């Protein structure tokens, strides 16, 4: 799977760990930065290009990391076609895809440990949207908001 990843300074270390993890799983990883630790960078500058790539289907799924994951989720969801969520548990990592067609996972580099983050990302990437009628109906209501 072609997976994009991005982080600001608050998520840089976790992004680096996840980039290696994803590569080792055999995914094609597109790194949107930061490419070096910069204590004064701004999360929108890193997350917006990732979210746009998800929206334009240049990549299949995205992984965004900032200090808490909140800012990454907020900015990613401003891009039409992106369905991002801050994930802090295994169930939501896969359920968000299965029921809500989530295409971008957000994590907190200062609150989520490396191994737990790897588990969340793996569950996210292995999940598939169910396409159930009730989920399609709900998803279409969300998509209508972007028009």
N, C-alpha and C. Protein backbone atom coordinates (compact mmCIF):
# COMPACT_ATOMS: atom_id res chain seq x y z
N UNK A 1 0.85 -1.17 0.00
CA UNK A 1 0.00 0.00 0.00
C UNK A 1 0.90 1.24 0.00
N UNK A 2 0.46 2.26 -0.70
CA UNK A 2 1.18 3.53 -0.73
C UNK A 2 0.63 4.39 0.41
N UNK A 3 1.49 4.65 1.39
CA UNK A 3 1.10 5.33 2.62
C UNK A 3 1.91 6.62 2.77
N UNK A 4 1.22 7.71 3.05
CA UNK A 4 1.89 8.97 3.32
C UNK A 4 2.04 9.16 4.82
N UNK A 5 3.09 9.88 5.20
CA UNK A 5 3.34 10.14 6.61
C UNK A 5 3.88 11.56 6.75
N UNK A 6 3.48 12.22 7.83
CA UNK A 6 3.95 13.59 8.07
C UNK A 6 3.90 13.88 9.56
N UNK A 7 4.77 14.80 9.99
CA UNK A 7 4.80 15.21 11.39
C UNK A 7 5.49 16.55 11.55
N UNK A 8 5.10 17.24 12.59
CA UNK A 8 5.84 18.43 13.02
C UNK A 8 6.85 17.99 14.08
N UNK A 9 7.43 18.97 14.76
CA UNK A 9 8.45 18.67 15.77
C UNK A 9 7.91 17.80 16.90
N UNK A 10 6.64 17.98 17.25
CA UNK A 10 6.06 17.20 18.34
C UNK A 10 5.86 15.74 18.01
N UNK A 11 5.84 15.42 16.74
CA UNK A 11 5.65 14.04 16.32
C UNK A 11 6.81 13.47 15.52
N UNK A 12 7.89 14.26 15.41
CA UNK A 12 8.99 13.86 14.53
C UNK A 12 9.58 12.49 14.89
N UNK A 13 9.89 12.28 16.15
CA UNK A 13 10.51 11.01 16.55
C UNK A 13 9.59 9.82 16.27
N UNK A 14 8.30 9.96 16.58
CA UNK A 14 7.36 8.87 16.32
C UNK A 14 7.20 8.65 14.82
N UNK A 15 7.19 9.72 14.03
CA UNK A 15 7.09 9.57 12.58
C UNK A 15 8.26 8.76 12.04
N UNK A 16 9.44 9.05 12.53
CA UNK A 16 10.62 8.31 12.06
C UNK A 16 10.49 6.83 12.39
N UNK A 17 10.02 6.52 13.59
CA UNK A 17 9.81 5.13 13.99
C UNK A 17 8.78 4.47 13.09
N UNK A 18 7.67 5.17 12.84
CA UNK A 18 6.60 4.61 12.01
C UNK A 18 7.01 4.47 10.55
N UNK A 19 7.82 5.39 10.06
CA UNK A 19 8.30 5.28 8.67
C UNK A 19 9.08 3.98 8.49
N UNK A 20 9.97 3.70 9.42
CA UNK A 20 10.75 2.46 9.36
C UNK A 20 9.84 1.25 9.50
N UNK A 21 8.91 1.31 10.43
CA UNK A 21 7.95 0.22 10.65
C UNK A 21 7.16 -0.07 9.37
N UNK A 22 6.63 0.96 8.74
CA UNK A 22 5.84 0.79 7.52
C UNK A 22 6.67 0.23 6.37
N UNK A 23 7.88 0.72 6.24
CA UNK A 23 8.79 0.21 5.21
C UNK A 23 9.07 -1.27 5.44
N UNK A 24 9.32 -1.64 6.68
CA UNK A 24 9.60 -3.04 7.02
C UNK A 24 8.40 -3.95 6.77
N UNK A 25 7.19 -3.39 6.83
CA UNK A 25 5.99 -4.17 6.51
C UNK A 25 5.77 -4.30 5.00
N UNK A 26 6.58 -3.59 4.22
CA UNK A 26 6.49 -3.68 2.77
C UNK A 26 5.67 -2.60 2.09
N UNK A 27 5.28 -1.58 2.87
CA UNK A 27 4.51 -0.48 2.29
C UNK A 27 5.44 0.50 1.58
N UNK A 28 4.92 1.15 0.55
CA UNK A 28 5.63 2.25 -0.09
C UNK A 28 5.30 3.50 0.71
N UNK A 29 6.29 4.11 1.31
CA UNK A 29 6.08 5.25 2.20
C UNK A 29 6.50 6.54 1.52
N UNK A 30 5.58 7.50 1.52
CA UNK A 30 5.87 8.84 1.01
C UNK A 30 5.94 9.75 2.23
N UNK A 31 7.12 10.30 2.47
CA UNK A 31 7.37 11.12 3.66
C UNK A 31 7.21 12.60 3.31
N UNK A 32 6.20 13.23 3.89
CA UNK A 32 5.91 14.63 3.65
C UNK A 32 6.63 15.56 4.63
N UNK A 33 7.50 15.00 5.45
CA UNK A 33 8.25 15.80 6.40
C UNK A 33 7.60 15.79 7.77
N UNK A 34 8.23 16.37 8.67
CA UNK A 34 9.52 17.03 8.63
C UNK A 34 10.62 16.00 8.35
N UNK A 35 11.66 16.46 7.69
CA UNK A 35 12.76 15.58 7.35
C UNK A 35 13.92 15.74 8.34
N UNK A 36 13.79 16.69 9.22
CA UNK A 36 14.74 16.91 10.32
C UNK A 36 13.97 17.58 11.44
N UNK A 37 14.43 17.40 12.65
CA UNK A 37 13.76 18.01 13.79
C UNK A 37 13.93 19.53 13.73
N UNK A 38 12.79 20.24 13.72
CA UNK A 38 12.79 21.71 13.72
C UNK A 38 11.83 22.16 14.81
N UNK A 39 12.34 22.66 15.90
CA UNK A 39 11.50 22.97 17.07
C UNK A 39 10.47 24.07 16.82
N UNK A 40 10.63 24.82 15.75
CA UNK A 40 9.72 25.94 15.50
C UNK A 40 8.80 25.71 14.29
N UNK A 41 8.79 24.47 13.76
CA UNK A 41 7.93 24.25 12.60
C UNK A 41 6.46 24.24 13.03
N UNK A 42 5.57 24.34 12.07
CA UNK A 42 4.13 24.40 12.31
C UNK A 42 3.45 23.20 11.69
N UNK A 43 2.61 22.52 12.47
CA UNK A 43 1.97 21.30 11.98
C UNK A 43 1.16 21.48 10.68
N UNK A 44 0.47 22.60 10.45
CA UNK A 44 -0.26 22.70 9.18
C UNK A 44 0.65 22.58 7.95
N UNK A 45 1.87 23.11 8.06
CA UNK A 45 2.79 23.07 6.92
C UNK A 45 3.18 21.65 6.54
N UNK A 46 3.12 20.73 7.47
CA UNK A 46 3.48 19.33 7.21
C UNK A 46 2.25 18.50 6.89
N UNK A 47 1.15 18.75 7.59
CA UNK A 47 -0.04 17.90 7.48
C UNK A 47 -0.87 18.23 6.24
N UNK A 48 -0.96 19.49 5.85
CA UNK A 48 -1.79 19.86 4.69
C UNK A 48 -1.33 19.15 3.41
N UNK A 49 -0.03 19.12 3.08
CA UNK A 49 0.35 18.39 1.87
C UNK A 49 0.00 16.90 1.93
N UNK A 50 0.13 16.30 3.10
CA UNK A 50 -0.26 14.90 3.28
C UNK A 50 -1.75 14.73 3.04
N UNK A 51 -2.55 15.58 3.66
CA UNK A 51 -4.00 15.48 3.52
C UNK A 51 -4.43 15.70 2.07
N UNK A 52 -3.81 16.63 1.39
CA UNK A 52 -4.14 16.86 -0.02
C UNK A 52 -3.81 15.63 -0.86
N UNK A 53 -2.71 14.98 -0.56
CA UNK A 53 -2.33 13.76 -1.30
C UNK A 53 -3.34 12.64 -1.06
N UNK A 54 -3.86 12.55 0.16
CA UNK A 54 -4.90 11.56 0.45
C UNK A 54 -6.16 11.92 -0.33
N UNK A 55 -6.56 13.17 -0.27
CA UNK A 55 -7.77 13.63 -0.96
C UNK A 55 -7.70 13.40 -2.46
N UNK A 56 -6.53 13.63 -3.04
CA UNK A 56 -6.35 13.48 -4.49
C UNK A 56 -5.99 12.05 -4.89
N UNK A 57 -6.00 11.16 -3.89
CA UNK A 57 -5.73 9.73 -4.11
C UNK A 57 -4.34 9.46 -4.69
N UNK A 58 -3.40 10.34 -4.36
CA UNK A 58 -2.01 10.11 -4.74
C UNK A 58 -1.40 9.05 -3.83
N UNK A 59 -1.97 8.93 -2.63
CA UNK A 59 -1.61 7.89 -1.69
C UNK A 59 -2.91 7.27 -1.19
N UNK A 60 -2.83 6.03 -0.71
CA UNK A 60 -4.05 5.34 -0.29
C UNK A 60 -4.50 5.73 1.10
N UNK A 61 -3.55 5.89 2.02
CA UNK A 61 -3.87 6.26 3.39
C UNK A 61 -2.77 7.18 3.92
N UNK A 62 -3.12 7.92 4.99
CA UNK A 62 -2.17 8.84 5.58
C UNK A 62 -2.01 8.63 7.07
N UNK A 63 -0.83 8.95 7.56
CA UNK A 63 -0.50 8.91 8.98
C UNK A 63 0.07 10.27 9.34
N UNK A 64 -0.61 10.99 10.23
CA UNK A 64 -0.18 12.32 10.65
C UNK A 64 0.13 12.31 12.14
N UNK A 65 1.25 12.94 12.50
CA UNK A 65 1.66 12.95 13.90
C UNK A 65 2.05 14.37 14.30
N UNK A 66 1.47 14.84 15.40
CA UNK A 66 1.92 16.08 16.03
C UNK A 66 2.03 15.77 17.52
N UNK A 67 2.22 16.77 18.34
CA UNK A 67 2.43 16.51 19.76
C UNK A 67 1.30 15.72 20.40
N UNK A 68 0.07 16.19 20.22
CA UNK A 68 -1.09 15.50 20.79
C UNK A 68 -1.89 14.74 19.75
N UNK A 69 -1.73 15.08 18.49
CA UNK A 69 -2.54 14.53 17.41
C UNK A 69 -3.78 15.37 17.12
N UNK A 70 -4.13 16.26 18.03
CA UNK A 70 -5.33 17.08 17.88
C UNK A 70 -5.19 18.05 16.72
N UNK A 71 -4.12 18.81 16.69
CA UNK A 71 -3.91 19.77 15.62
C UNK A 71 -3.87 19.10 14.26
N UNK A 72 -3.21 17.95 14.17
CA UNK A 72 -3.14 17.22 12.91
C UNK A 72 -4.54 16.83 12.44
N UNK A 73 -5.38 16.36 13.36
CA UNK A 73 -6.75 15.97 13.00
C UNK A 73 -7.57 17.17 12.55
N UNK A 74 -7.43 18.27 13.25
CA UNK A 74 -8.19 19.47 12.90
C UNK A 74 -7.84 19.94 11.49
N UNK A 75 -6.57 20.09 11.21
CA UNK A 75 -6.18 20.62 9.90
C UNK A 75 -6.45 19.62 8.79
N UNK A 76 -6.23 18.34 9.02
CA UNK A 76 -6.47 17.33 7.98
C UNK A 76 -7.93 17.31 7.55
N UNK A 77 -8.83 17.48 8.51
CA UNK A 77 -10.26 17.44 8.20
C UNK A 77 -10.75 18.68 7.48
N UNK A 78 -9.92 19.68 7.32
CA UNK A 78 -10.29 20.87 6.53
C UNK A 78 -10.18 20.61 5.03
N UNK A 79 -9.50 19.53 4.67
CA UNK A 79 -9.30 19.20 3.26
C UNK A 79 -10.44 18.30 2.80
N UNK A 80 -11.22 18.73 1.80
CA UNK A 80 -12.33 17.90 1.31
C UNK A 80 -11.84 16.51 0.90
N UNK A 81 -12.60 15.50 1.28
CA UNK A 81 -12.26 14.13 0.93
C UNK A 81 -11.45 13.42 1.98
N UNK A 82 -10.97 14.15 2.98
CA UNK A 82 -10.20 13.54 4.05
C UNK A 82 -11.12 13.26 5.23
N UNK A 83 -10.97 12.06 5.76
CA UNK A 83 -11.68 11.66 6.97
C UNK A 83 -10.63 11.20 7.95
N UNK A 84 -10.25 12.13 8.82
CA UNK A 84 -9.16 11.91 9.76
C UNK A 84 -9.70 11.85 11.19
N UNK A 85 -9.00 11.09 12.02
CA UNK A 85 -9.38 11.02 13.42
C UNK A 85 -8.14 10.80 14.28
N UNK A 86 -8.18 11.40 15.46
CA UNK A 86 -7.16 11.16 16.47
C UNK A 86 -7.46 9.80 17.08
N UNK A 87 -6.50 8.91 17.04
CA UNK A 87 -6.70 7.54 17.52
C UNK A 87 -5.86 7.30 18.77
N UNK A 88 -6.55 6.82 19.80
CA UNK A 88 -5.89 6.49 21.07
C UNK A 88 -6.24 5.08 21.54
N UNK A 89 -6.89 4.29 20.67
CA UNK A 89 -7.20 2.90 21.05
C UNK A 89 -7.26 2.03 19.80
N UNK A 90 -7.02 0.75 19.99
CA UNK A 90 -6.95 -0.21 18.89
C UNK A 90 -8.28 -0.34 18.16
N UNK A 91 -9.39 -0.39 18.89
CA UNK A 91 -10.70 -0.56 18.27
C UNK A 91 -10.99 0.56 17.28
N UNK A 92 -10.79 1.80 17.69
CA UNK A 92 -11.08 2.94 16.81
C UNK A 92 -10.16 2.96 15.59
N UNK A 93 -8.96 2.42 15.72
CA UNK A 93 -8.02 2.40 14.60
C UNK A 93 -8.57 1.62 13.42
N UNK A 94 -9.25 0.51 13.69
CA UNK A 94 -9.83 -0.26 12.58
C UNK A 94 -11.30 0.08 12.35
N UNK A 95 -12.04 0.34 13.40
CA UNK A 95 -13.46 0.65 13.27
C UNK A 95 -13.69 1.93 12.49
N UNK A 96 -12.78 2.90 12.64
CA UNK A 96 -12.91 4.15 11.89
C UNK A 96 -12.86 3.93 10.39
N UNK A 97 -12.12 2.94 9.96
CA UNK A 97 -12.06 2.59 8.54
C UNK A 97 -13.29 1.77 8.17
N UNK A 98 -13.58 0.75 8.96
CA UNK A 98 -14.66 -0.19 8.64
C UNK A 98 -16.03 0.49 8.54
N UNK A 99 -16.31 1.41 9.45
CA UNK A 99 -17.63 2.05 9.50
C UNK A 99 -17.66 3.44 8.87
N UNK A 100 -16.56 4.19 8.97
CA UNK A 100 -16.56 5.59 8.57
C UNK A 100 -15.64 5.91 7.40
N UNK A 101 -14.99 4.90 6.85
CA UNK A 101 -14.07 5.07 5.72
C UNK A 101 -12.97 6.08 6.03
N UNK A 102 -12.47 6.06 7.26
CA UNK A 102 -11.36 6.92 7.66
C UNK A 102 -10.17 6.64 6.75
N UNK A 103 -9.54 7.69 6.26
CA UNK A 103 -8.40 7.51 5.36
C UNK A 103 -7.11 8.17 5.87
N UNK A 104 -7.18 8.76 7.04
CA UNK A 104 -5.99 9.39 7.62
C UNK A 104 -6.06 9.24 9.14
N UNK A 105 -5.05 8.63 9.70
CA UNK A 105 -4.98 8.42 11.14
C UNK A 105 -4.07 9.49 11.75
N UNK A 106 -4.48 10.03 12.88
CA UNK A 106 -3.68 11.04 13.58
C UNK A 106 -3.27 10.48 14.93
N UNK A 107 -2.01 10.72 15.27
CA UNK A 107 -1.44 10.22 16.51
C UNK A 107 -0.71 11.33 17.24
N UNK A 108 -0.61 11.18 18.54
CA UNK A 108 0.11 12.12 19.38
C UNK A 108 1.50 11.63 19.70
N UNK A 109 2.50 12.28 19.17
CA UNK A 109 3.89 11.89 19.40
C UNK A 109 4.33 12.01 20.84
N UNK A 110 3.65 12.86 21.60
CA UNK A 110 4.01 13.06 23.00
C UNK A 110 3.16 12.20 23.94
N UNK A 111 2.16 11.49 23.38
CA UNK A 111 1.28 10.72 24.26
C UNK A 111 1.15 9.25 23.87
N UNK A 112 1.55 8.89 22.66
CA UNK A 112 1.41 7.52 22.18
C UNK A 112 2.78 6.88 22.06
N UNK A 113 2.98 5.77 22.75
CA UNK A 113 4.25 5.05 22.69
C UNK A 113 4.47 4.42 21.33
N UNK A 114 5.71 4.15 21.01
CA UNK A 114 6.08 3.63 19.70
C UNK A 114 5.36 2.32 19.36
N UNK A 115 5.41 1.35 20.26
CA UNK A 115 4.81 0.04 19.96
C UNK A 115 3.30 0.15 19.82
N UNK A 116 2.67 0.92 20.67
CA UNK A 116 1.22 1.12 20.59
C UNK A 116 0.87 1.81 19.28
N UNK A 117 1.63 2.82 18.90
CA UNK A 117 1.39 3.52 17.63
C UNK A 117 1.52 2.56 16.45
N UNK A 118 2.50 1.68 16.50
CA UNK A 118 2.66 0.68 15.43
C UNK A 118 1.43 -0.21 15.34
N UNK A 119 0.91 -0.63 16.48
CA UNK A 119 -0.30 -1.46 16.50
C UNK A 119 -1.49 -0.71 15.92
N UNK A 120 -1.65 0.55 16.30
CA UNK A 120 -2.75 1.36 15.78
C UNK A 120 -2.65 1.51 14.26
N UNK A 121 -1.46 1.83 13.78
CA UNK A 121 -1.25 2.04 12.35
C UNK A 121 -1.48 0.74 11.58
N UNK A 122 -1.00 -0.36 12.10
CA UNK A 122 -1.21 -1.64 11.41
C UNK A 122 -2.69 -1.99 11.35
N UNK A 123 -3.42 -1.79 12.44
CA UNK A 123 -4.87 -2.05 12.44
C UNK A 123 -5.58 -1.15 11.44
N UNK A 124 -5.18 0.12 11.39
CA UNK A 124 -5.74 1.09 10.44
C UNK A 124 -5.52 0.64 9.00
N UNK A 125 -4.30 0.22 8.69
CA UNK A 125 -3.97 -0.14 7.31
C UNK A 125 -4.58 -1.47 6.89
N UNK A 126 -4.79 -2.38 7.82
CA UNK A 126 -5.37 -3.68 7.48
C UNK A 126 -6.88 -3.63 7.37
N UNK A 127 -7.50 -2.60 7.91
CA UNK A 127 -8.96 -2.49 7.90
C UNK A 127 -9.46 -2.07 6.52
N UNK A 128 -10.68 -2.47 6.21
CA UNK A 128 -11.33 -2.12 4.96
C UNK A 128 -12.72 -1.59 5.27
N UNK A 129 -13.17 -0.62 4.50
CA UNK A 129 -14.52 -0.07 4.65
C UNK A 129 -15.53 -1.17 4.34
N UNK A 130 -16.52 -1.34 5.21
CA UNK A 130 -17.49 -2.42 5.06
C UNK A 130 -18.43 -2.21 3.88
N UNK A 131 -18.73 -0.96 3.56
CA UNK A 131 -19.67 -0.69 2.48
C UNK A 131 -21.11 -1.01 2.83
N UNK A 132 -21.36 -1.31 4.10
CA UNK A 132 -22.73 -1.61 4.53
C UNK A 132 -23.63 -0.41 4.24
N UNK A 133 -24.88 -0.69 3.93
CA UNK A 133 -25.82 0.36 3.53
C UNK A 133 -25.88 1.47 4.57
N UNK A 134 -25.96 1.13 5.84
CA UNK A 134 -26.07 2.17 6.87
C UNK A 134 -24.81 3.02 6.94
N UNK A 135 -23.67 2.43 6.69
CA UNK A 135 -22.42 3.19 6.72
C UNK A 135 -22.29 4.07 5.47
N UNK A 136 -22.72 3.56 4.33
CA UNK A 136 -22.73 4.38 3.11
C UNK A 136 -23.68 5.56 3.26
N UNK A 137 -24.85 5.31 3.84
CA UNK A 137 -25.83 6.39 4.04
C UNK A 137 -25.22 7.50 4.90
N UNK A 138 -24.57 7.11 5.98
CA UNK A 138 -23.96 8.09 6.89
C UNK A 138 -22.78 8.80 6.22
N UNK A 139 -21.97 8.04 5.52
CA UNK A 139 -20.81 8.62 4.84
C UNK A 139 -21.26 9.65 3.79
N UNK A 140 -22.31 9.34 3.07
CA UNK A 140 -22.81 10.28 2.07
C UNK A 140 -23.29 11.58 2.69
N UNK A 141 -23.84 11.52 3.88
CA UNK A 141 -24.24 12.74 4.59
C UNK A 141 -23.02 13.59 4.93
N UNK A 142 -21.93 12.95 5.28
CA UNK A 142 -20.69 13.66 5.58
C UNK A 142 -20.13 14.28 4.29
N UNK A 143 -20.11 13.49 3.23
CA UNK A 143 -19.58 13.96 1.95
C UNK A 143 -20.41 15.15 1.44
N UNK A 144 -21.71 15.12 1.66
CA UNK A 144 -22.58 16.24 1.24
C UNK A 144 -22.18 17.56 1.91
N UNK A 145 -21.62 17.50 3.09
CA UNK A 145 -21.19 18.72 3.78
C UNK A 145 -20.05 19.42 3.05
N UNK A 146 -19.32 18.67 2.25
CA UNK A 146 -18.15 19.23 1.54
C UNK A 146 -18.55 19.90 0.23
N UNK A 147 -19.81 19.84 -0.15
CA UNK A 147 -20.25 20.41 -1.43
C UNK A 147 -20.62 21.86 -1.28
